[in-house]
Amino acid sequence: AVVSTQSTWESQGHESIYTKPLRPFPNPASEVPADYQCGELFRTKEIKQNAYAYDELPPTPAQQMREIPTLAVFFQLRIMDIQRKSWTLFLFAYNKKTEADFSVGTATASEYMKHPNFAGLTGIFAGRGADCPNCAANKPFNVTCDITRKTKELGLSRHDTGLVGIGIDSFDEVFTLDQIAGVA
Protein backbone atom coordinates (compact mmCIF):
# COMPACT_ATOMS: atom_id res chain seq x y z
CA ALA A 1 0.00 0.00 0.00
CA VAL A 2 2.87 2.38 0.79
CA VAL A 3 4.49 1.81 -2.61
CA SER A 4 1.23 2.35 -4.53
CA THR A 5 0.55 5.56 -2.58
CA GLN A 6 4.05 6.79 -3.39
CA SER A 7 3.59 5.89 -7.06
CA THR A 8 0.43 8.01 -7.14
CA TRP A 9 2.25 10.81 -5.32
CA GLU A 10 5.11 10.67 -7.88
CA SER A 11 2.69 10.60 -10.84
CA GLN A 12 1.28 13.91 -9.56
CA GLY A 13 4.75 15.47 -9.79
CA HIS A 14 5.77 15.14 -6.15
CA GLU A 15 9.09 13.78 -4.92
CA SER A 16 9.09 10.22 -3.59
CA ILE A 17 9.82 10.12 0.12
CA TYR A 18 9.79 6.31 -0.02
CA THR A 19 13.22 6.22 -1.67
CA LYS A 20 14.77 9.13 0.25
CA PRO A 21 16.98 8.51 3.28
CA LEU A 22 15.32 8.87 6.67
CA ARG A 23 17.70 11.38 8.21
CA PRO A 24 18.96 11.41 10.96
CA PHE A 25 18.38 7.68 11.52
CA PRO A 26 21.56 5.73 10.67
CA ASN A 27 21.20 2.11 9.61
CA PRO A 28 23.69 0.08 11.68
CA ALA A 29 23.31 -2.91 9.33
CA SER A 30 24.49 -0.92 6.30
CA GLU A 31 27.95 -1.85 4.95
CA VAL A 32 28.77 1.82 4.35
CA PRO A 33 27.54 4.63 6.62
CA ALA A 34 24.00 5.36 5.45
CA ASP A 35 20.62 6.35 6.82
CA TYR A 36 17.61 4.06 6.81
CA GLN A 37 15.23 4.15 3.86
CA CYS A 38 11.53 3.31 4.09
CA GLY A 39 11.97 0.16 2.01
CA GLU A 40 14.44 -1.23 4.55
CA LEU A 41 11.89 -1.02 7.35
CA PHE A 42 9.64 -3.67 5.81
CA ARG A 43 11.13 -7.16 5.57
CA THR A 44 8.33 -8.91 3.72
CA LYS A 45 10.47 -11.83 2.43
CA GLU A 46 11.70 -12.69 5.94
CA ILE A 47 8.19 -12.42 7.33
CA LYS A 48 6.76 -14.71 4.63
CA GLN A 49 9.54 -17.28 5.13
CA ASN A 50 9.18 -17.38 8.92
CA ALA A 51 5.42 -16.86 9.17
CA TYR A 52 3.18 -19.39 10.84
CA ALA A 53 0.85 -21.19 8.43
CA TYR A 54 -2.62 -21.72 9.87
CA ASP A 55 -4.43 -25.02 9.23
CA GLU A 56 -7.68 -23.12 9.07
CA LEU A 57 -8.51 -19.43 9.18
CA PRO A 58 -11.02 -18.22 11.74
CA PRO A 59 -14.47 -17.54 10.27
CA THR A 60 -15.29 -14.04 9.05
CA PRO A 61 -17.51 -12.45 11.68
CA ALA A 62 -20.99 -11.31 10.69
CA GLN A 63 -21.50 -7.61 10.10
CA GLN A 64 -22.51 -5.74 13.21
CA MET A 65 -24.77 -2.74 13.49
CA ARG A 66 -22.92 0.27 14.85
CA GLU A 67 -24.06 3.76 15.62
CA ILE A 68 -22.59 6.62 13.64
CA PRO A 69 -19.60 7.92 15.61
CA THR A 70 -19.43 11.45 16.95
CA LEU A 71 -16.04 12.84 16.02
CA ALA A 72 -14.13 15.95 16.97
CA VAL A 73 -12.24 16.93 13.82
CA PHE A 74 -9.42 19.41 13.34
CA PHE A 75 -9.57 20.13 9.61
CA GLN A 76 -6.75 20.84 7.19
CA LEU A 77 -3.87 21.20 9.65
CA ARG A 78 -0.58 22.31 8.13
CA ILE A 79 2.59 21.26 9.91
CA MET A 80 4.33 24.50 8.95
CA ASP A 81 1.61 26.57 10.70
CA ILE A 82 1.98 24.75 14.03
CA GLN A 83 4.48 26.15 16.52
CA ARG A 84 7.35 23.63 16.07
CA LYS A 85 5.98 21.63 18.98
CA SER A 86 4.21 18.35 19.36
CA TRP A 87 0.85 18.57 21.09
CA THR A 88 -1.45 16.33 23.07
CA LEU A 89 -4.99 17.65 22.69
CA PHE A 90 -7.44 16.84 25.48
CA LEU A 91 -11.13 17.21 24.61
CA PHE A 92 -14.02 17.70 27.04
CA ALA A 93 -17.70 17.35 26.12
CA TYR A 94 -20.45 19.32 27.82
CA ASN A 95 -24.07 20.34 27.26
CA LYS A 96 -23.79 23.70 25.50
CA LYS A 97 -27.46 24.50 26.17
CA THR A 98 -27.21 24.17 29.95
CA GLU A 99 -23.49 24.74 30.68
CA ALA A 100 -22.64 27.80 28.58
CA ASP A 101 -19.74 28.80 30.87
CA PHE A 102 -18.12 25.33 31.02
CA SER A 103 -14.33 25.29 31.56
CA VAL A 104 -11.79 22.79 32.84
CA GLY A 105 -9.06 25.03 34.25
CA THR A 106 -5.35 24.22 34.39
CA ALA A 107 -4.25 20.75 35.47
CA THR A 108 -1.84 17.95 34.61
CA ALA A 109 -2.43 15.38 31.87
CA SER A 110 -3.43 12.66 34.36
CA GLU A 111 -5.84 15.04 36.13
CA TYR A 112 -7.43 16.00 32.79
CA MET A 113 -7.98 12.33 31.98
CA LYS A 114 -9.86 11.87 35.29
CA HIS A 115 -12.15 14.85 34.63
CA PRO A 116 -15.82 13.72 34.43
CA ASN A 117 -16.24 15.44 31.03
CA PHE A 118 -13.01 14.09 29.49
CA ALA A 119 -14.06 12.81 26.05
CA GLY A 120 -10.75 11.77 24.53
CA LEU A 121 -7.37 12.87 23.34
CA THR A 122 -5.41 13.04 20.15
CA GLY A 123 -1.95 14.20 19.18
CA ILE A 124 -0.12 16.27 16.62
CA PHE A 125 3.54 15.75 15.82
CA ALA A 126 4.70 19.10 14.47
CA GLY A 127 8.22 18.38 13.26
CA ARG A 128 11.11 20.79 12.97
CA GLY A 129 9.48 23.66 11.08
CA ALA A 130 11.53 25.22 8.27
CA ASP A 131 14.35 22.71 8.92
CA CYS A 132 12.10 19.85 7.79
CA PRO A 133 11.67 19.47 4.00
CA ASN A 134 9.10 16.68 4.46
CA CYS A 135 7.03 18.97 6.70
CA ALA A 136 6.99 21.63 4.00
CA ALA A 137 6.06 19.10 1.30
CA ASN A 138 3.24 17.39 3.24
CA LYS A 139 -0.34 18.19 2.35
CA PRO A 140 -2.77 19.49 4.98
CA PHE A 141 -4.26 16.70 7.07
CA ASN A 142 -7.16 16.13 9.44
CA VAL A 143 -6.86 14.95 13.04
CA THR A 144 -9.87 13.23 14.60
CA CYS A 145 -10.93 12.07 18.04
CA ASP A 146 -13.90 9.78 18.62
CA ILE A 147 -15.99 11.28 21.44
CA THR A 148 -19.01 8.98 20.98
CA ARG A 149 -18.60 7.12 24.27
CA LYS A 150 -18.52 10.29 26.40
CA THR A 151 -21.42 12.00 24.61
CA LYS A 152 -23.50 8.86 25.06
CA GLU A 153 -22.47 8.60 28.73
CA LEU A 154 -23.48 12.24 29.29
CA GLY A 155 -26.75 11.73 27.40
CA LEU A 156 -25.89 14.40 24.81
CA SER A 157 -27.02 14.60 21.22
CA ARG A 158 -24.63 15.99 18.64
CA HIS A 159 -26.65 19.20 18.56
CA ASP A 160 -26.33 19.70 22.32
CA THR A 161 -22.64 18.80 22.56
CA GLY A 162 -20.09 21.53 23.12
CA LEU A 163 -16.36 20.89 23.19
CA VAL A 164 -13.56 22.50 25.12
CA GLY A 165 -10.02 21.61 24.18
CA ILE A 166 -6.75 21.90 26.04
CA GLY A 167 -3.34 21.39 24.46
CA ILE A 168 -0.25 20.30 26.35
CA ASP A 169 2.94 20.87 24.41
CA SER A 170 6.18 18.88 24.48
CA PHE A 171 7.37 21.06 27.40
CA ASP A 172 4.26 20.23 29.51
CA GLU A 173 2.87 23.76 29.16
CA VAL A 174 -0.93 24.03 29.04
CA PHE A 175 -2.76 26.08 26.39
CA THR A 176 -6.34 26.49 25.26
CA LEU A 177 -6.92 25.50 21.63
CA ASP A 178 -7.33 29.10 20.49
CA GLN A 179 -3.80 29.81 21.78
CA ILE A 180 -2.24 27.15 19.51
CA ALA A 181 -1.30 28.56 16.11
CA GLY A 182 -2.56 26.43 13.24
CA VAL A 183 -5.00 24.36 15.33
CA ALA A 184 -7.80 26.68 16.44
C-alpha atoms as a PDB file:
ATOM      1  CA  ALA A   1       0.000   0.000   0.000  1.00  0.00           C
ATOM      2  CA  VAL A   2       2.868   2.378   0.791  1.00  0.00           C
ATOM      3  CA  VAL A   3       4.491   1.808  -2.608  1.00  0.00           C
ATOM      4  CA  SER A   4       1.233   2.348  -4.530  1.00  0.00           C
ATOM      5  CA  THR A   5       0.551   5.556  -2.582  1.00  0.00           C
ATOM      6  CA  GLN A   6       4.052   6.789  -3.386  1.00  0.00           C
ATOM      7  CA  SER A   7       3.589   5.888  -7.065  1.00  0.00           C
ATOM      8  CA  THR A   8       0.427   8.007  -7.136  1.00  0.00           C
ATOM      9  CA  TRP A   9       2.253  10.811  -5.321  1.00  0.00           C
ATOM     10  CA  GLU A  10       5.106  10.668  -7.877  1.00  0.00           C
ATOM     11  CA  SER A  11       2.691  10.598 -10.838  1.00  0.00           C
ATOM     12  CA  GLN A  12       1.281  13.905  -9.564  1.00  0.00           C
ATOM     13  CA  GLY A  13       4.753  15.467  -9.794  1.00  0.00           C
ATOM     14  CA  HIS A  14       5.772  15.142  -6.150  1.00  0.00           C
ATOM     15  CA  GLU A  15       9.091  13.782  -4.924  1.00  0.00           C
ATOM     16  CA  SER A  16       9.093  10.219  -3.587  1.00  0.00           C
ATOM     17  CA  ILE A  17       9.818  10.124   0.118  1.00  0.00           C
ATOM     18  CA  TYR A  18       9.785   6.315  -0.021  1.00  0.00           C
ATOM     19  CA  THR A  19      13.221   6.217  -1.666  1.00  0.00           C
ATOM     20  CA  LYS A  20      14.767   9.132   0.253  1.00  0.00           C
ATOM     21  CA  PRO A  21      16.985   8.507   3.278  1.00  0.00           C
ATOM     22  CA  LEU A  22      15.316   8.866   6.673  1.00  0.00           C
ATOM     23  CA  ARG A  23      17.698  11.384   8.208  1.00  0.00           C
ATOM     24  CA  PRO A  24      18.960  11.415  10.956  1.00  0.00           C
ATOM     25  CA  PHE A  25      18.376   7.679  11.524  1.00  0.00           C
ATOM     26  CA  PRO A  26      21.559   5.725  10.667  1.00  0.00           C
ATOM     27  CA  ASN A  27      21.197   2.110   9.612  1.00  0.00           C
ATOM     28  CA  PRO A  28      23.693   0.077  11.677  1.00  0.00           C
ATOM     29  CA  ALA A  29      23.309  -2.915   9.333  1.00  0.00           C
ATOM     30  CA  SER A  30      24.493  -0.922   6.299  1.00  0.00           C
ATOM     31  CA  GLU A  31      27.946  -1.849   4.948  1.00  0.00           C
ATOM     32  CA  VAL A  32      28.773   1.818   4.349  1.00  0.00           C
ATOM     33  CA  PRO A  33      27.539   4.630   6.620  1.00  0.00           C
ATOM     34  CA  ALA A  34      23.996   5.358   5.445  1.00  0.00           C
ATOM     35  CA  ASP A  35      20.617   6.353   6.819  1.00  0.00           C
ATOM     36  CA  TYR A  36      17.610   4.059   6.807  1.00  0.00           C
ATOM     37  CA  GLN A  37      15.227   4.150   3.857  1.00  0.00           C
ATOM     38  CA  CYS A  38      11.527   3.309   4.089  1.00  0.00           C
ATOM     39  CA  GLY A  39      11.967   0.155   2.012  1.00  0.00           C
ATOM     40  CA  GLU A  40      14.438  -1.233   4.555  1.00  0.00           C
ATOM     41  CA  LEU A  41      11.895  -1.024   7.355  1.00  0.00           C
ATOM     42  CA  PHE A  42       9.643  -3.670   5.808  1.00  0.00           C
ATOM     43  CA  ARG A  43      11.133  -7.160   5.570  1.00  0.00           C
ATOM     44  CA  THR A  44       8.333  -8.915   3.722  1.00  0.00           C
ATOM     45  CA  LYS A  45      10.468 -11.826   2.433  1.00  0.00           C
ATOM     46  CA  GLU A  46      11.697 -12.692   5.938  1.00  0.00           C
ATOM     47  CA  ILE A  47       8.188 -12.424   7.335  1.00  0.00           C
ATOM     48  CA  LYS A  48       6.763 -14.711   4.633  1.00  0.00           C
ATOM     49  CA  GLN A  49       9.537 -17.281   5.134  1.00  0.00           C
ATOM     50  CA  ASN A  50       9.182 -17.375   8.923  1.00  0.00           C
ATOM     51  CA  ALA A  51       5.422 -16.856   9.169  1.00  0.00           C
ATOM     52  CA  TYR A  52       3.184 -19.389  10.838  1.00  0.00           C
ATOM     53  CA  ALA A  53       0.852 -21.192   8.432  1.00  0.00           C
ATOM     54  CA  TYR A  54      -2.621 -21.723   9.874  1.00  0.00           C
ATOM     55  CA  ASP A  55      -4.427 -25.022   9.235  1.00  0.00           C
ATOM     56  CA  GLU A  56      -7.678 -23.121   9.072  1.00  0.00           C
ATOM     57  CA  LEU A  57      -8.513 -19.425   9.177  1.00  0.00           C
ATOM     58  CA  PRO A  58     -11.023 -18.216  11.737  1.00  0.00           C
ATOM     59  CA  PRO A  59     -14.466 -17.535  10.273  1.00  0.00           C
ATOM     60  CA  THR A  60     -15.289 -14.035   9.046  1.00  0.00           C
ATOM     61  CA  PRO A  61     -17.515 -12.454  11.678  1.00  0.00           C
ATOM     62  CA  ALA A  62     -20.990 -11.309  10.685  1.00  0.00           C
ATOM     63  CA  GLN A  63     -21.499  -7.611  10.098  1.00  0.00           C
ATOM     64  CA  GLN A  64     -22.512  -5.740  13.210  1.00  0.00           C
ATOM     65  CA  MET A  65     -24.771  -2.744  13.492  1.00  0.00           C
ATOM     66  CA  ARG A  66     -22.924   0.265  14.853  1.00  0.00           C
ATOM     67  CA  GLU A  67     -24.060   3.764  15.617  1.00  0.00           C
ATOM     68  CA  ILE A  68     -22.588   6.615  13.636  1.00  0.00           C
ATOM     69  CA  PRO A  69     -19.604   7.916  15.606  1.00  0.00           C
ATOM     70  CA  THR A  70     -19.427  11.449  16.945  1.00  0.00           C
ATOM     71  CA  LEU A  71     -16.035  12.840  16.018  1.00  0.00           C
ATOM     72  CA  ALA A  72     -14.130  15.951  16.973  1.00  0.00           C
ATOM     73  CA  VAL A  73     -12.240  16.932  13.819  1.00  0.00           C
ATOM     74  CA  PHE A  74      -9.421  19.410  13.343  1.00  0.00           C
ATOM     75  CA  PHE A  75      -9.571  20.127   9.606  1.00  0.00           C
ATOM     76  CA  GLN A  76      -6.748  20.842   7.193  1.00  0.00           C
ATOM     77  CA  LEU A  77      -3.868  21.202   9.650  1.00  0.00           C
ATOM     78  CA  ARG A  78      -0.583  22.310   8.129  1.00  0.00           C
ATOM     79  CA  ILE A  79       2.591  21.259   9.910  1.00  0.00           C
ATOM     80  CA  MET A  80       4.332  24.499   8.949  1.00  0.00           C
ATOM     81  CA  ASP A  81       1.615  26.568  10.703  1.00  0.00           C
ATOM     82  CA  ILE A  82       1.977  24.753  14.034  1.00  0.00           C
ATOM     83  CA  GLN A  83       4.481  26.149  16.525  1.00  0.00           C
ATOM     84  CA  ARG A  84       7.351  23.633  16.073  1.00  0.00           C
ATOM     85  CA  LYS A  85       5.983  21.632  18.983  1.00  0.00           C
ATOM     86  CA  SER A  86       4.211  18.347  19.363  1.00  0.00           C
ATOM     87  CA  TRP A  87       0.850  18.572  21.092  1.00  0.00           C
ATOM     88  CA  THR A  88      -1.452  16.333  23.071  1.00  0.00           C
ATOM     89  CA  LEU A  89      -4.986  17.652  22.689  1.00  0.00           C
ATOM     90  CA  PHE A  90      -7.438  16.844  25.485  1.00  0.00           C
ATOM     91  CA  LEU A  91     -11.130  17.208  24.615  1.00  0.00           C
ATOM     92  CA  PHE A  92     -14.018  17.697  27.036  1.00  0.00           C
ATOM     93  CA  ALA A  93     -17.704  17.352  26.118  1.00  0.00           C
ATOM     94  CA  TYR A  94     -20.453  19.316  27.817  1.00  0.00           C
ATOM     95  CA  ASN A  95     -24.070  20.343  27.260  1.00  0.00           C
ATOM     96  CA  LYS A  96     -23.792  23.700  25.504  1.00  0.00           C
ATOM     97  CA  LYS A  97     -27.456  24.503  26.171  1.00  0.00           C
ATOM     98  CA  THR A  98     -27.207  24.173  29.954  1.00  0.00           C
ATOM     99  CA  GLU A  99     -23.490  24.736  30.676  1.00  0.00           C
ATOM    100  CA  ALA A 100     -22.638  27.796  28.576  1.00  0.00           C
ATOM    101  CA  ASP A 101     -19.740  28.803  30.865  1.00  0.00           C
ATOM    102  CA  PHE A 102     -18.118  25.332  31.017  1.00  0.00           C
ATOM    103  CA  SER A 103     -14.334  25.285  31.557  1.00  0.00           C
ATOM    104  CA  VAL A 104     -11.787  22.794  32.840  1.00  0.00           C
ATOM    105  CA  GLY A 105      -9.057  25.033  34.254  1.00  0.00           C
ATOM    106  CA  THR A 106      -5.355  24.218  34.389  1.00  0.00           C
ATOM    107  CA  ALA A 107      -4.247  20.752  35.467  1.00  0.00           C
ATOM    108  CA  THR A 108      -1.843  17.948  34.611  1.00  0.00           C
ATOM    109  CA  ALA A 109      -2.428  15.384  31.874  1.00  0.00           C
ATOM    110  CA  SER A 110      -3.425  12.664  34.359  1.00  0.00           C
ATOM    111  CA  GLU A 111      -5.838  15.045  36.125  1.00  0.00           C
ATOM    112  CA  TYR A 112      -7.426  16.002  32.792  1.00  0.00           C
ATOM    113  CA  MET A 113      -7.976  12.333  31.982  1.00  0.00           C
ATOM    114  CA  LYS A 114      -9.860  11.867  35.288  1.00  0.00           C
ATOM    115  CA  HIS A 115     -12.147  14.850  34.627  1.00  0.00           C
ATOM    116  CA  PRO A 116     -15.820  13.725  34.433  1.00  0.00           C
ATOM    117  CA  ASN A 117     -16.236  15.440  31.033  1.00  0.00           C
ATOM    118  CA  PHE A 118     -13.007  14.089  29.491  1.00  0.00           C
ATOM    119  CA  ALA A 119     -14.062  12.806  26.048  1.00  0.00           C
ATOM    120  CA  GLY A 120     -10.752  11.773  24.534  1.00  0.00           C
ATOM    121  CA  LEU A 121      -7.367  12.874  23.344  1.00  0.00           C
ATOM    122  CA  THR A 122      -5.407  13.041  20.147  1.00  0.00           C
ATOM    123  CA  GLY A 123      -1.952  14.196  19.183  1.00  0.00           C
ATOM    124  CA  ILE A 124      -0.124  16.273  16.616  1.00  0.00           C
ATOM    125  CA  PHE A 125       3.539  15.755  15.820  1.00  0.00           C
ATOM    126  CA  ALA A 126       4.702  19.099  14.471  1.00  0.00           C
ATOM    127  CA  GLY A 127       8.222  18.383  13.262  1.00  0.00           C
ATOM    128  CA  ARG A 128      11.111  20.792  12.969  1.00  0.00           C
ATOM    129  CA  GLY A 129       9.480  23.656  11.083  1.00  0.00           C
ATOM    130  CA  ALA A 130      11.535  25.219   8.272  1.00  0.00           C
ATOM    131  CA  ASP A 131      14.354  22.707   8.921  1.00  0.00           C
ATOM    132  CA  CYS A 132      12.099  19.853   7.786  1.00  0.00           C
ATOM    133  CA  PRO A 133      11.670  19.473   3.997  1.00  0.00           C
ATOM    134  CA  ASN A 134       9.100  16.680   4.458  1.00  0.00           C
ATOM    135  CA  CYS A 135       7.029  18.969   6.704  1.00  0.00           C
ATOM    136  CA  ALA A 136       6.991  21.633   4.001  1.00  0.00           C
ATOM    137  CA  ALA A 137       6.056  19.097   1.296  1.00  0.00           C
ATOM    138  CA  ASN A 138       3.245  17.392   3.240  1.00  0.00           C
ATOM    139  CA  LYS A 139      -0.337  18.187   2.346  1.00  0.00           C
ATOM    140  CA  PRO A 140      -2.768  19.493   4.983  1.00  0.00           C
ATOM    141  CA  PHE A 141      -4.262  16.697   7.070  1.00  0.00           C
ATOM    142  CA  ASN A 142      -7.165  16.127   9.443  1.00  0.00           C
ATOM    143  CA  VAL A 143      -6.861  14.948  13.036  1.00  0.00           C
ATOM    144  CA  THR A 144      -9.866  13.229  14.601  1.00  0.00           C
ATOM    145  CA  CYS A 145     -10.927  12.068  18.041  1.00  0.00           C
ATOM    146  CA  ASP A 146     -13.900   9.775  18.622  1.00  0.00           C
ATOM    147  CA  ILE A 147     -15.992  11.282  21.435  1.00  0.00           C
ATOM    148  CA  THR A 148     -19.014   8.982  20.984  1.00  0.00           C
ATOM    149  CA  ARG A 149     -18.602   7.120  24.274  1.00  0.00           C
ATOM    150  CA  LYS A 150     -18.524  10.286  26.400  1.00  0.00           C
ATOM    151  CA  THR A 151     -21.422  12.001  24.607  1.00  0.00           C
ATOM    152  CA  LYS A 152     -23.499   8.861  25.061  1.00  0.00           C
ATOM    153  CA  GLU A 153     -22.469   8.596  28.732  1.00  0.00           C
ATOM    154  CA  LEU A 154     -23.481  12.243  29.292  1.00  0.00           C
ATOM    155  CA  GLY A 155     -26.753  11.725  27.397  1.00  0.00           C
ATOM    156  CA  LEU A 156     -25.890  14.397  24.809  1.00  0.00           C
ATOM    157  CA  SER A 157     -27.023  14.604  21.223  1.00  0.00           C
ATOM    158  CA  ARG A 158     -24.627  15.990  18.642  1.00  0.00           C
ATOM    159  CA  HIS A 159     -26.648  19.200  18.557  1.00  0.00           C
ATOM    160  CA  ASP A 160     -26.332  19.701  22.320  1.00  0.00           C
ATOM    161  CA  THR A 161     -22.642  18.805  22.556  1.00  0.00           C
ATOM    162  CA  GLY A 162     -20.095  21.526  23.118  1.00  0.00           C
ATOM    163  CA  LEU A 163     -16.357  20.888  23.192  1.00  0.00           C
ATOM    164  CA  VAL A 164     -13.561  22.499  25.125  1.00  0.00           C
ATOM    165  CA  GLY A 165     -10.024  21.606  24.184  1.00  0.00           C
ATOM    166  CA  ILE A 166      -6.754  21.903  26.045  1.00  0.00           C
ATOM    167  CA  GLY A 167      -3.343  21.390  24.461  1.00  0.00           C
ATOM    168  CA  ILE A 168      -0.253  20.299  26.348  1.00  0.00           C
ATOM    169  CA  ASP A 169       2.941  20.874  24.407  1.00  0.00           C
ATOM    170  CA  SER A 170       6.180  18.882  24.481  1.00  0.00           C
ATOM    171  CA  PHE A 171       7.371  21.063  27.401  1.00  0.00           C
ATOM    172  CA  ASP A 172       4.260  20.231  29.513  1.00  0.00           C
ATOM    173  CA  GLU A 173       2.872  23.763  29.159  1.00  0.00           C
ATOM    174  CA  VAL A 174      -0.933  24.026  29.040  1.00  0.00           C
ATOM    175  CA  PHE A 175      -2.762  26.076  26.389  1.00  0.00           C
ATOM    176  CA  THR A 176      -6.341  26.487  25.256  1.00  0.00           C
ATOM    177  CA  LEU A 177      -6.917  25.505  21.625  1.00  0.00           C
ATOM    178  CA  ASP A 178      -7.329  29.104  20.489  1.00  0.00           C
ATOM    179  CA  GLN A 179      -3.801  29.811  21.779  1.00  0.00           C
ATOM    180  CA  ILE A 180      -2.239  27.154  19.515  1.00  0.00           C
ATOM    181  CA  ALA A 181      -1.301  28.557  16.112  1.00  0.00           C
ATOM    182  CA  GLY A 182      -2.556  26.425  13.239  1.00  0.00           C
ATOM    183  CA  VAL A 183      -4.999  24.362  15.331  1.00  0.00           C
ATOM    184  CA  ALA A 184      -7.802  26.675  16.445  1.00  0.00           C
END
